């Protein structure tokens, strides 16, 4: 997204860094949620 690009455009800007760090945390939590569901379904199939 455009917010992620702002980190590379203005790496020294505190506001942009805060926005990107918040988005990255959301992405990590989303990936963990998908991963946990994937593991849950695969364990049920076995």
C-alpha atoms as a PDB file:
ATOM      1  CA  UNK A   1       0.000   0.000   0.000  1.00  0.00           C
ATOM      2  CA  UNK A   2       1.017   3.632  -0.208  1.00  0.00           C
ATOM      3  CA  UNK A   3       1.634   3.714   3.557  1.00  0.00           C
ATOM      4  CA  UNK A   4       4.237   0.961   3.241  1.00  0.00           C
ATOM      5  CA  UNK A   5       6.036   2.879   0.467  1.00  0.00           C
ATOM      6  CA  UNK A   6       6.319   5.986   2.680  1.00  0.00           C
ATOM      7  CA  UNK A   7       8.777   4.104   4.900  1.00  0.00           C
ATOM      8  CA  UNK A   8      11.217   3.812   1.997  1.00  0.00           C
ATOM      9  CA  UNK A   9      10.536   7.370   0.791  1.00  0.00           C
ATOM     10  CA  UNK A  10      11.020   8.976   4.217  1.00  0.00           C
ATOM     11  CA  UNK A  11      12.810   6.454   6.483  1.00  0.00           C
ATOM     12  CA  UNK A  12      13.808   9.200   8.951  1.00  0.00           C
ATOM     13  CA  UNK A  13      10.285  10.566   9.368  1.00  0.00           C
ATOM     14  CA  UNK A  14       8.832   9.534  12.735  1.00  0.00           C
ATOM     15  CA  UNK A  15       5.203   9.732  11.587  1.00  0.00           C
ATOM     16  CA  UNK A  16       5.744   7.548   8.519  1.00  0.00           C
ATOM     17  CA  UNK A  17       7.730   5.063  10.583  1.00  0.00           C
ATOM     18  CA  UNK A  18       4.916   4.840  13.143  1.00  0.00           C
ATOM     19  CA  UNK A  19       2.308   4.256  10.425  1.00  0.00           C
ATOM     20  CA  UNK A  20       4.368   1.532   8.765  1.00  0.00           C
ATOM     21  CA  UNK A  21       5.253  -0.145  12.060  1.00  0.00           C
ATOM     22  CA  UNK A  22       1.554  -0.308  12.960  1.00  0.00           C
ATOM     23  CA  UNK A  23       0.707  -1.768   9.550  1.00  0.00           C
ATOM     24  CA  UNK A  24       3.543  -4.298   9.816  1.00  0.00           C
ATOM     25  CA  UNK A  25       2.211  -5.418  13.207  1.00  0.00           C
ATOM     26  CA  UNK A  26      -1.236  -5.883  11.667  1.00  0.00           C
ATOM     27  CA  UNK A  27       0.284  -7.884   8.805  1.00  0.00           C
ATOM     28  CA  UNK A  28       2.233 -10.091  11.236  1.00  0.00           C
ATOM     29  CA  UNK A  29      -0.859 -10.744  13.365  1.00  0.00           C
ATOM     30  CA  UNK A  30      -2.866 -11.522  10.218  1.00  0.00           C
ATOM     31  CA  UNK A  31      -0.193 -13.954   9.006  1.00  0.00           C
ATOM     32  CA  UNK A  32      -0.127 -15.650  12.424  1.00  0.00           C
ATOM     33  CA  UNK A  33      -3.919 -15.958  12.340  1.00  0.00           C
ATOM     34  CA  UNK A  34      -3.851 -17.549   8.870  1.00  0.00           C
ATOM     35  CA  UNK A  35      -0.960 -19.811   9.870  1.00  0.00           C
ATOM     36  CA  UNK A  36      -2.718 -20.980  13.031  1.00  0.00           C
ATOM     37  CA  UNK A  37      -5.899 -21.744  11.083  1.00  0.00           C
ATOM     38  CA  UNK A  38      -3.894 -23.587   8.427  1.00  0.00           C
ATOM     39  CA  UNK A  39      -2.153 -25.708  11.074  1.00  0.00           C
ATOM     40  CA  UNK A  40      -5.495 -26.331  12.790  1.00  0.00           C
ATOM     41  CA  UNK A  41      -7.108 -27.629   9.588  1.00  0.00           C
ATOM     42  CA  UNK A  42      -4.098 -29.762   8.631  1.00  0.00           C
ATOM     43  CA  UNK A  43      -4.031 -31.349  12.089  1.00  0.00           C
ATOM     44  CA  UNK A  44      -7.726 -32.147  11.763  1.00  0.00           C
ATOM     45  CA  UNK A  45      -7.166 -33.796   8.380  1.00  0.00           C
ATOM     46  CA  UNK A  46      -4.448 -36.070   9.740  1.00  0.00           C
END
